[in-house]
């Protein structure tokens, strides 16, 4: 997946998420890959599509984490689900304006 600035490419490797910088210019020139995340995350090879996403600033990643590694502390996670957000959006930004 390309970063929004077009200067970095993110991709899943067998042991995590990598990034590589891309030089601007008429010729394609990639730098050396850098391991960004080494933890185990879901990356099903039979799945058609991406199993992760990158924030607009390219600094945060959304991924499905697999089970904890031995000795790793448990983390508490919260998910907030907002229902009816599209109706609220239509109320705040009426179409036709």
PDB file of N, CA and C in Angstrom:
ATOM      1  N   UNK A   1       0.845  -1.168   0.000  1.00  0.00           N
ATOM      2  CA  UNK A   1       0.000   0.000   0.000  1.00  0.00           C
ATOM      3  C   UNK A   1       0.896   1.238   0.000  1.00  0.00           C
ATOM      4  N   UNK A   2       0.541   2.182  -0.839  1.00  0.00           N
ATOM      5  CA  UNK A   2       1.308   3.421  -0.913  1.00  0.00           C
ATOM      6  C   UNK A   2       0.929   4.359   0.230  1.00  0.00           C
ATOM      7  N   UNK A   3       1.908   5.056   0.783  1.00  0.00           N
ATOM      8  CA  UNK A   3       1.645   6.146   1.721  1.00  0.00           C
ATOM      9  C   UNK A   3       1.009   7.276   0.921  1.00  0.00           C
ATOM     10  N   UNK A   4       0.219   8.098   1.575  1.00  0.00           N
ATOM     11  CA  UNK A   4      -0.455   9.185   0.854  1.00  0.00           C
ATOM     12  C   UNK A   4       0.501  10.164   0.205  1.00  0.00           C
ATOM     13  N   UNK A   5       1.686  10.301   0.789  1.00  0.00           N
ATOM     14  CA  UNK A   5       2.646  11.242   0.194  1.00  0.00           C
ATOM     15  C   UNK A   5       3.333  10.654  -1.033  1.00  0.00           C
ATOM     16  N   UNK A   6       3.096   9.360  -1.346  1.00  0.00           N
ATOM     17  CA  UNK A   6       3.663   8.727  -2.518  1.00  0.00           C
ATOM     18  C   UNK A   6       5.150   8.429  -2.426  1.00  0.00           C
ATOM     19  N   UNK A   7       5.711   8.565  -1.240  1.00  0.00           N
ATOM     20  CA  UNK A   7       7.150   8.372  -1.084  1.00  0.00           C
ATOM     21  C   UNK A   7       7.520   7.145  -0.264  1.00  0.00           C
ATOM     22  N   UNK A   8       6.516   6.355   0.115  1.00  0.00           N
ATOM     23  CA  UNK A   8       6.792   5.137   0.873  1.00  0.00           C
ATOM     24  C   UNK A   8       5.777   4.073   0.485  1.00  0.00           C
ATOM     25  N   UNK A   9       6.242   2.852   0.454  1.00  0.00           N
ATOM     26  CA  UNK A   9       5.409   1.715   0.114  1.00  0.00           C
ATOM     27  C   UNK A   9       5.441   0.751   1.287  1.00  0.00           C
ATOM     28  N   UNK A  10       4.250   0.321   1.754  1.00  0.00           N
ATOM     29  CA  UNK A  10       4.136  -0.622   2.858  1.00  0.00           C
ATOM     30  C   UNK A  10       3.705  -1.966   2.307  1.00  0.00           C
ATOM     31  N   UNK A  11       4.249  -3.046   2.870  1.00  0.00           N
ATOM     32  CA  UNK A  11       3.851  -4.380   2.423  1.00  0.00           C
ATOM     33  C   UNK A  11       4.075  -5.402   3.541  1.00  0.00           C
ATOM     34  N   UNK A  12       3.265  -6.469   3.505  1.00  0.00           N
ATOM     35  CA  UNK A  12       3.390  -7.539   4.480  1.00  0.00           C
ATOM     36  C   UNK A  12       4.482  -8.496   4.031  1.00  0.00           C
ATOM     37  N   UNK A  13       5.323  -8.880   4.974  1.00  0.00           N
ATOM     38  CA  UNK A  13       6.356  -9.891   4.769  1.00  0.00           C
ATOM     39  C   UNK A  13       6.033 -11.047   5.725  1.00  0.00           C
ATOM     40  N   UNK A  14       6.691 -12.185   5.585  1.00  0.00           N
ATOM     41  CA  UNK A  14       6.368 -13.323   6.455  1.00  0.00           C
ATOM     42  C   UNK A  14       6.433 -13.025   7.956  1.00  0.00           C
ATOM     43  N   UNK A  15       7.310 -12.121   8.384  1.00  0.00           N
ATOM     44  CA  UNK A  15       7.459 -11.857   9.819  1.00  0.00           C
ATOM     45  C   UNK A  15       6.986 -10.487  10.264  1.00  0.00           C
ATOM     46  N   UNK A  16       6.197  -9.792   9.459  1.00  0.00           N
ATOM     47  CA  UNK A  16       5.701  -8.495   9.874  1.00  0.00           C
ATOM     48  C   UNK A  16       5.468  -7.549   8.718  1.00  0.00           C
ATOM     49  N   UNK A  17       5.325  -6.283   9.079  1.00  0.00           N
ATOM     50  CA  UNK A  17       5.047  -5.233   8.102  1.00  0.00           C
ATOM     51  C   UNK A  17       6.338  -4.491   7.779  1.00  0.00           C
ATOM     52  N   UNK A  18       6.610  -4.323   6.504  1.00  0.00           N
ATOM     53  CA  UNK A  18       7.804  -3.602   6.059  1.00  0.00           C
ATOM     54  C   UNK A  18       7.404  -2.317   5.356  1.00  0.00           C
ATOM     55  N   UNK A  19       8.354  -1.401   5.286  1.00  0.00           N
ATOM     56  CA  UNK A  19       8.189  -0.177   4.522  1.00  0.00           C
ATOM     57  C   UNK A  19       9.446   0.068   3.718  1.00  0.00           C
ATOM     58  N   UNK A  20       9.273   0.698   2.580  1.00  0.00           N
ATOM     59  CA  UNK A  20      10.428   1.042   1.756  1.00  0.00           C
ATOM     60  C   UNK A  20      10.189   2.435   1.185  1.00  0.00           C
ATOM     61  N   UNK A  21      11.217   3.285   1.254  1.00  0.00           N
ATOM     62  CA  UNK A  21      11.089   4.637   0.711  1.00  0.00           C
ATOM     63  C   UNK A  21      11.295   4.590  -0.793  1.00  0.00           C
ATOM     64  N   UNK A  22      10.583   5.468  -1.474  1.00  0.00           N
ATOM     65  CA  UNK A  22      10.644   5.555  -2.920  1.00  0.00           C
ATOM     66  C   UNK A  22      11.131   6.956  -3.280  1.00  0.00           C
ATOM     67  N   UNK A  23      12.171   7.034  -4.104  1.00  0.00           N
ATOM     68  CA  UNK A  23      12.719   8.325  -4.510  1.00  0.00           C
ATOM     69  C   UNK A  23      11.826   8.947  -5.577  1.00  0.00           C
ATOM     70  N   UNK A  24      11.611  10.242  -5.462  1.00  0.00           N
ATOM     71  CA  UNK A  24      10.822  10.963  -6.461  1.00  0.00           C
ATOM     72  C   UNK A  24      11.669  11.155  -7.709  1.00  0.00           C
ATOM     73  N   UNK A  25      11.022  11.146  -8.853  1.00  0.00           N
ATOM     74  CA  UNK A  25      11.736  11.357 -10.100  1.00  0.00           C
ATOM     75  C   UNK A  25      11.100  10.591 -11.239  1.00  0.00           C
ATOM     76  N   UNK A  26      11.728  10.635 -12.396  1.00  0.00           N
ATOM     77  CA  UNK A  26      11.165   9.963 -13.563  1.00  0.00           C
ATOM     78  C   UNK A  26      11.407   8.463 -13.541  1.00  0.00           C
ATOM     79  N   UNK A  27      12.445   8.010 -12.852  1.00  0.00           N
ATOM     80  CA  UNK A  27      12.740   6.581 -12.751  1.00  0.00           C
ATOM     81  C   UNK A  27      12.343   6.061 -11.373  1.00  0.00           C
ATOM     82  N   UNK A  28      11.851   4.829 -11.337  1.00  0.00           N
ATOM     83  CA  UNK A  28      11.486   4.203 -10.069  1.00  0.00           C
ATOM     84  C   UNK A  28      12.747   3.774  -9.351  1.00  0.00           C
ATOM     85  N   UNK A  29      12.922   4.249  -8.100  1.00  0.00           N
ATOM     86  CA  UNK A  29      14.081   3.865  -7.311  1.00  0.00           C
ATOM     87  C   UNK A  29      13.631   3.654  -5.868  1.00  0.00           C
ATOM     88  N   UNK A  30      13.759   2.409  -5.406  1.00  0.00           N
ATOM     89  CA  UNK A  30      13.343   2.058  -4.047  1.00  0.00           C
ATOM     90  C   UNK A  30      14.559   1.941  -3.147  1.00  0.00           C
ATOM     91  N   UNK A  31      14.386   2.364  -1.888  1.00  0.00           N
ATOM     92  CA  UNK A  31      15.443   2.220  -0.897  1.00  0.00           C
ATOM     93  C   UNK A  31      15.449   0.813  -0.326  1.00  0.00           C
ATOM     94  N   UNK A  32      16.189   0.614   0.742  1.00  0.00           N
ATOM     95  CA  UNK A  32      16.239  -0.686   1.410  1.00  0.00           C
ATOM     96  C   UNK A  32      15.004  -0.869   2.279  1.00  0.00           C
ATOM     97  N   UNK A  33      14.415  -2.065   2.289  1.00  0.00           N
ATOM     98  CA  UNK A  33      13.241  -2.308   3.129  1.00  0.00           C
ATOM     99  C   UNK A  33      13.585  -2.164   4.614  1.00  0.00           C
ATOM    100  N   UNK A  34      12.617  -1.667   5.381  1.00  0.00           N
ATOM    101  CA  UNK A  34      12.752  -1.521   6.826  1.00  0.00           C
ATOM    102  C   UNK A  34      11.610  -2.262   7.497  1.00  0.00           C
ATOM    103  N   UNK A  35      11.931  -3.098   8.473  1.00  0.00           N
ATOM    104  CA  UNK A  35      10.878  -3.792   9.229  1.00  0.00           C
ATOM    105  C   UNK A  35      10.241  -2.782  10.169  1.00  0.00           C
ATOM    106  N   UNK A  36       8.939  -2.548  10.021  1.00  0.00           N
ATOM    107  CA  UNK A  36       8.221  -1.570  10.836  1.00  0.00           C
ATOM    108  C   UNK A  36       7.550  -2.224  12.036  1.00  0.00           C
ATOM    109  N   UNK A  37       6.998  -3.408  11.830  1.00  0.00           N
ATOM    110  CA  UNK A  37       6.296  -4.125  12.895  1.00  0.00           C
ATOM    111  C   UNK A  37       6.705  -5.586  12.823  1.00  0.00           C
ATOM    112  N   UNK A  38       7.210  -6.121  13.930  1.00  0.00           N
ATOM    113  CA  UNK A  38       7.676  -7.497  13.946  1.00  0.00           C
ATOM    114  C   UNK A  38       6.693  -8.468  14.569  1.00  0.00           C
ATOM    115  N   UNK A  39       5.660  -7.981  15.151  1.00  0.00           N
ATOM    116  CA  UNK A  39       4.697  -8.879  15.797  1.00  0.00           C
ATOM    117  C   UNK A  39       3.940  -9.703  14.778  1.00  0.00           C
ATOM    118  N   UNK A  40       3.278 -10.716  15.278  1.00  0.00           N
ATOM    119  CA  UNK A  40       2.492 -11.584  14.413  1.00  0.00           C
ATOM    120  C   UNK A  40       1.106 -10.989  14.196  1.00  0.00           C
ATOM    121  N   UNK A  41       0.786 -10.754  12.948  1.00  0.00           N
ATOM    122  CA  UNK A  41      -0.512 -10.216  12.583  1.00  0.00           C
ATOM    123  C   UNK A  41      -1.094 -11.056  11.457  1.00  0.00           C
ATOM    124  N   UNK A  42      -2.402 -11.019  11.352  1.00  0.00           N
ATOM    125  CA  UNK A  42      -3.096 -11.789  10.332  1.00  0.00           C
ATOM    126  C   UNK A  42      -2.720 -11.269   8.951  1.00  0.00           C
ATOM    127  N   UNK A  43      -2.302 -12.172   8.097  1.00  0.00           N
ATOM    128  CA  UNK A  43      -2.002 -11.806   6.705  1.00  0.00           C
ATOM    129  C   UNK A  43      -2.242 -13.029   5.837  1.00  0.00           C
ATOM    130  N   UNK A  44      -3.481 -13.413   5.716  1.00  0.00           N
ATOM    131  CA  UNK A  44      -3.876 -14.604   4.960  1.00  0.00           C
ATOM    132  C   UNK A  44      -3.493 -14.449   3.499  1.00  0.00           C
ATOM    133  N   UNK A  45      -2.668 -15.363   2.998  1.00  0.00           N
ATOM    134  CA  UNK A  45      -2.212 -15.255   1.611  1.00  0.00           C
ATOM    135  C   UNK A  45      -3.311 -15.610   0.616  1.00  0.00           C
ATOM    136  N   UNK A  46      -4.297 -16.414   1.035  1.00  0.00           N
ATOM    137  CA  UNK A  46      -5.389 -16.779   0.125  1.00  0.00           C
ATOM    138  C   UNK A  46      -6.434 -15.665   0.040  1.00  0.00           C
ATOM    139  N   UNK A  47      -6.359 -14.687   0.939  1.00  0.00           N
ATOM    140  CA  UNK A  47      -7.306 -13.582   0.965  1.00  0.00           C
ATOM    141  C   UNK A  47      -6.969 -12.605  -0.154  1.00  0.00           C
ATOM    142  N   UNK A  48      -7.964 -12.246  -0.937  1.00  0.00           N
ATOM    143  CA  UNK A  48      -7.740 -11.280  -2.016  1.00  0.00           C
ATOM    144  C   UNK A  48      -7.979  -9.890  -1.442  1.00  0.00           C
ATOM    145  N   UNK A  49      -6.949  -9.116  -1.337  1.00  0.00           N
ATOM    146  CA  UNK A  49      -7.056  -7.780  -0.772  1.00  0.00           C
ATOM    147  C   UNK A  49      -6.065  -7.596   0.360  1.00  0.00           C
ATOM    148  N   UNK A  50      -6.123  -6.457   0.979  1.00  0.00           N
ATOM    149  CA  UNK A  50      -5.214  -6.101   2.068  1.00  0.00           C
ATOM    150  C   UNK A  50      -5.820  -6.486   3.409  1.00  0.00           C
ATOM    151  N   UNK A  51      -5.006  -6.939   4.342  1.00  0.00           N
ATOM    152  CA  UNK A  51      -5.481  -7.267   5.687  1.00  0.00           C
ATOM    153  C   UNK A  51      -5.006  -6.244   6.714  1.00  0.00           C
ATOM    154  N   UNK A  52      -4.630  -5.059   6.253  1.00  0.00           N
ATOM    155  CA  UNK A  52      -4.192  -3.986   7.149  1.00  0.00           C
ATOM    156  C   UNK A  52      -4.520  -2.654   6.490  1.00  0.00           C
ATOM    157  N   UNK A  53      -4.435  -1.575   7.272  1.00  0.00           N
ATOM    158  CA  UNK A  53      -4.613  -0.245   6.700  1.00  0.00           C
ATOM    159  C   UNK A  53      -3.619   0.694   7.347  1.00  0.00           C
ATOM    160  N   UNK A  54      -3.355   1.799   6.691  1.00  0.00           N
ATOM    161  CA  UNK A  54      -2.358   2.774   7.129  1.00  0.00           C
ATOM    162  C   UNK A  54      -3.050   4.117   7.324  1.00  0.00           C
ATOM    163  N   UNK A  55      -2.713   4.814   8.416  1.00  0.00           N
ATOM    164  CA  UNK A  55      -3.299   6.135   8.656  1.00  0.00           C
ATOM    165  C   UNK A  55      -2.835   7.107   7.585  1.00  0.00           C
ATOM    166  N   UNK A  56      -3.554   8.221   7.459  1.00  0.00           N
ATOM    167  CA  UNK A  56      -3.238   9.197   6.416  1.00  0.00           C
ATOM    168  C   UNK A  56      -1.839   9.791   6.559  1.00  0.00           C
ATOM    169  N   UNK A  57      -1.303   9.839   7.808  1.00  0.00           N
ATOM    170  CA  UNK A  57       0.049  10.365   7.988  1.00  0.00           C
ATOM    171  C   UNK A  57       1.120   9.279   7.875  1.00  0.00           C
ATOM    172  N   UNK A  58       0.706   8.023   7.666  1.00  0.00           N
ATOM    173  CA  UNK A  58       1.648   6.927   7.500  1.00  0.00           C
ATOM    174  C   UNK A  58       2.365   6.511   8.765  1.00  0.00           C
ATOM    175  N   UNK A  59       1.860   6.948   9.927  1.00  0.00           N
ATOM    176  CA  UNK A  59       2.533   6.664  11.191  1.00  0.00           C
ATOM    177  C   UNK A  59       1.837   5.590  12.039  1.00  0.00           C
ATOM    178  N   UNK A  60       0.589   5.252  11.687  1.00  0.00           N
ATOM    179  CA  UNK A  60      -0.161   4.259  12.462  1.00  0.00           C
ATOM    180  C   UNK A  60      -0.744   3.222  11.507  1.00  0.00           C
ATOM    181  N   UNK A  61      -0.912   2.004  12.029  1.00  0.00           N
ATOM    182  CA  UNK A  61      -1.397   0.897  11.217  1.00  0.00           C
ATOM    183  C   UNK A  61      -2.523   0.200  11.948  1.00  0.00           C
ATOM    184  N   UNK A  62      -3.509  -0.246  11.200  1.00  0.00           N
ATOM    185  CA  UNK A  62      -4.625  -1.014  11.744  1.00  0.00           C
ATOM    186  C   UNK A  62      -4.464  -2.429  11.222  1.00  0.00           C
ATOM    187  N   UNK A  63      -4.341  -3.386  12.163  1.00  0.00           N
ATOM    188  CA  UNK A  63      -4.096  -4.774  11.787  1.00  0.00           C
ATOM    189  C   UNK A  63      -4.835  -5.698  12.750  1.00  0.00           C
ATOM    190  N   UNK A  64      -5.033  -6.934  12.332  1.00  0.00           N
ATOM    191  CA  UNK A  64      -5.618  -7.952  13.202  1.00  0.00           C
ATOM    192  C   UNK A  64      -4.473  -8.709  13.851  1.00  0.00           C
ATOM    193  N   UNK A  65      -4.382  -8.598  15.162  1.00  0.00           N
ATOM    194  CA  UNK A  65      -3.281  -9.230  15.884  1.00  0.00           C
ATOM    195  C   UNK A  65      -3.625 -10.673  16.204  1.00  0.00           C
ATOM    196  N   UNK A  66      -2.661 -11.554  15.998  1.00  0.00           N
ATOM    197  CA  UNK A  66      -2.831 -12.949  16.372  1.00  0.00           C
ATOM    198  C   UNK A  66      -2.579 -13.088  17.866  1.00  0.00           C
ATOM    199  N   UNK A  67      -2.638 -14.289  18.396  1.00  0.00           N
ATOM    200  CA  UNK A  67      -2.481 -14.521  19.832  1.00  0.00           C
ATOM    201  C   UNK A  67      -1.205 -13.945  20.409  1.00  0.00           C
ATOM    202  N   UNK A  68      -1.204 -13.782  21.725  1.00  0.00           N
ATOM    203  CA  UNK A  68      -0.037 -13.229  22.423  1.00  0.00           C
ATOM    204  C   UNK A  68       1.139 -14.192  22.372  1.00  0.00           C
ATOM    205  N   UNK A  69       2.319 -13.643  22.335  1.00  0.00           N
ATOM    206  CA  UNK A  69       3.538 -14.444  22.435  1.00  0.00           C
ATOM    207  C   UNK A  69       3.749 -14.800  23.901  1.00  0.00           C
ATOM    208  N   UNK A  70       4.444 -15.864  24.167  1.00  0.00           N
ATOM    209  CA  UNK A  70       4.675 -16.285  25.557  1.00  0.00           C
ATOM    210  C   UNK A  70       5.430 -15.200  26.306  1.00  0.00           C
ATOM    211  N   UNK A  71       5.002 -14.923  27.534  1.00  0.00           N
ATOM    212  CA  UNK A  71       5.626 -13.910  28.360  1.00  0.00           C
ATOM    213  C   UNK A  71       5.160 -12.501  28.089  1.00  0.00           C
ATOM    214  N   UNK A  72       4.328 -12.307  27.104  1.00  0.00           N
ATOM    215  CA  UNK A  72       3.842 -10.969  26.765  1.00  0.00           C
ATOM    216  C   UNK A  72       2.653 -10.630  27.646  1.00  0.00           C
ATOM    217  N   UNK A  73       2.632  -9.432  28.189  1.00  0.00           N
ATOM    218  CA  UNK A  73       1.536  -9.004  29.061  1.00  0.00           C
ATOM    219  C   UNK A  73       0.242  -8.871  28.278  1.00  0.00           C
ATOM    220  N   UNK A  74      -0.853  -9.207  28.933  1.00  0.00           N
ATOM    221  CA  UNK A  74      -2.167  -9.071  28.298  1.00  0.00           C
ATOM    222  C   UNK A  74      -2.486  -7.592  28.126  1.00  0.00           C
ATOM    223  N   UNK A  75      -3.110  -7.263  27.030  1.00  0.00           N
ATOM    224  CA  UNK A  75      -3.520  -5.890  26.769  1.00  0.00           C
ATOM    225  C   UNK A  75      -5.035  -5.820  26.740  1.00  0.00           C
ATOM    226  N   UNK A  76      -5.575  -4.775  27.291  1.00  0.00           N
ATOM    227  CA  UNK A  76      -7.012  -4.582  27.257  1.00  0.00           C
ATOM    228  C   UNK A  76      -7.352  -3.739  26.034  1.00  0.00           C
ATOM    229  N   UNK A  77      -8.332  -4.193  25.296  1.00  0.00           N
ATOM    230  CA  UNK A  77      -8.725  -3.487  24.083  1.00  0.00           C
ATOM    231  C   UNK A  77     -10.184  -3.093  24.162  1.00  0.00           C
ATOM    232  N   UNK A  78     -10.490  -1.949  23.619  1.00  0.00           N
ATOM    233  CA  UNK A  78     -11.864  -1.478  23.528  1.00  0.00           C
ATOM    234  C   UNK A  78     -12.186  -1.166  22.083  1.00  0.00           C
ATOM    235  N   UNK A  79     -13.406  -1.471  21.703  1.00  0.00           N
ATOM    236  CA  UNK A  79     -13.888  -1.114  20.377  1.00  0.00           C
ATOM    237  C   UNK A  79     -15.152  -0.297  20.576  1.00  0.00           C
ATOM    238  N   UNK A  80     -15.224   0.836  19.925  1.00  0.00           N
ATOM    239  CA  UNK A  80     -16.415   1.676  19.986  1.00  0.00           C
ATOM    240  C   UNK A  80     -17.108   1.580  18.640  1.00  0.00           C
ATOM    241  N   UNK A  81     -18.357   1.156  18.661  1.00  0.00           N
ATOM    242  CA  UNK A  81     -19.145   1.027  17.442  1.00  0.00           C
ATOM    243  C   UNK A  81     -20.163   2.152  17.428  1.00  0.00           C
ATOM    244  N   UNK A  82     -20.158   2.936  16.378  1.00  0.00           N
ATOM    245  CA  UNK A  82     -21.101   4.041  16.246  1.00  0.00           C
ATOM    246  C   UNK A  82     -22.124   3.650  15.189  1.00  0.00           C
ATOM    247  N   UNK A  83     -23.365   3.507  15.622  1.00  0.00           N
ATOM    248  CA  UNK A  83     -24.428   3.160  14.698  1.00  0.00           C
ATOM    249  C   UNK A  83     -25.163   4.422  14.277  1.00  0.00           C
ATOM    250  N   UNK A  84     -25.646   4.416  13.057  1.00  0.00           N
ATOM    251  CA  UNK A  84     -26.410   5.561  12.575  1.00  0.00           C
ATOM    252  C   UNK A  84     -25.564   6.780  12.256  1.00  0.00           C
ATOM    253  N   UNK A  85     -24.265   6.611  12.068  1.00  0.00           N
ATOM    254  CA  UNK A  85     -23.393   7.761  11.820  1.00  0.00           C
ATOM    255  C   UNK A  85     -23.690   8.417  10.473  1.00  0.00           C
ATOM    256  N   UNK A  86     -24.152   7.632   9.515  1.00  0.00           N
ATOM    257  CA  UNK A  86     -24.440   8.206   8.201  1.00  0.00           C
ATOM    258  C   UNK A  86     -25.618   9.169   8.283  1.00  0.00           C
ATOM    259  N   UNK A  87     -26.616   8.844   9.079  1.00  0.00           N
ATOM    260  CA  UNK A  87     -27.758   9.748   9.271  1.00  0.00           C
ATOM    261  C   UNK A  87     -27.310  11.041   9.942  1.00  0.00           C
ATOM    262  N   UNK A  88     -26.415  10.934  10.913  1.00  0.00           N
ATOM    263  CA  UNK A  88     -25.880  12.128  11.576  1.00  0.00           C
ATOM    264  C   UNK A  88     -25.088  12.969  10.580  1.00  0.00           C
ATOM    265  N   UNK A  89     -24.318  12.325   9.722  1.00  0.00           N
ATOM    266  CA  UNK A  89     -23.561  13.046   8.710  1.00  0.00           C
ATOM    267  C   UNK A  89     -24.495  13.791   7.761  1.00  0.00           C
ATOM    268  N   UNK A  90     -25.564  13.135   7.328  1.00  0.00           N
ATOM    269  CA  UNK A  90     -26.525  13.791   6.421  1.00  0.00           C
ATOM    270  C   UNK A  90     -27.197  14.979   7.111  1.00  0.00           C
ATOM    271  N   UNK A  91     -27.436  14.864   8.417  1.00  0.00           N
ATOM    272  CA  UNK A  91     -28.051  15.973   9.162  1.00  0.00           C
ATOM    273  C   UNK A  91     -27.084  17.153   9.246  1.00  0.00           C
ATOM    274  N   UNK A  92     -25.796  16.872   9.484  1.00  0.00           N
ATOM    275  CA  UNK A  92     -24.815  17.931   9.642  1.00  0.00           C
ATOM    276  C   UNK A  92     -24.386  18.549   8.316  1.00  0.00           C
ATOM    277  N   UNK A  93     -24.381  17.760   7.253  1.00  0.00           N
ATOM    278  CA  UNK A  93     -23.977  18.236   5.923  1.00  0.00           C
ATOM    279  C   UNK A  93     -25.069  17.855   4.930  1.00  0.00           C
ATOM    280  N   UNK A  94     -26.109  18.652   4.889  1.00  0.00           N
ATOM    281  CA  UNK A  94     -27.219  18.318   3.977  1.00  0.00           C
ATOM    282  C   UNK A  94     -26.756  18.308   2.520  1.00  0.00           C
ATOM    283  N   UNK A  95     -27.267  17.373   1.752  1.00  0.00           N
ATOM    284  CA  UNK A  95     -26.923  17.336   0.331  1.00  0.00           C
ATOM    285  C   UNK A  95     -27.548  18.541  -0.367  1.00  0.00           C
ATOM    286  N   UNK A  96     -26.933  18.960  -1.422  1.00  0.00           N
ATOM    287  CA  UNK A  96     -27.427  20.118  -2.148  1.00  0.00           C
ATOM    288  C   UNK A  96     -26.778  21.411  -1.716  1.00  0.00           C
ATOM    289  N   UNK A  97     -25.906  21.357  -0.669  1.00  0.00           N
ATOM    290  CA  UNK A  97     -25.178  22.567  -0.230  1.00  0.00           C
ATOM    291  C   UNK A  97     -23.745  22.469  -0.651  1.00  0.00           C
TER     292      UNK A  97
END
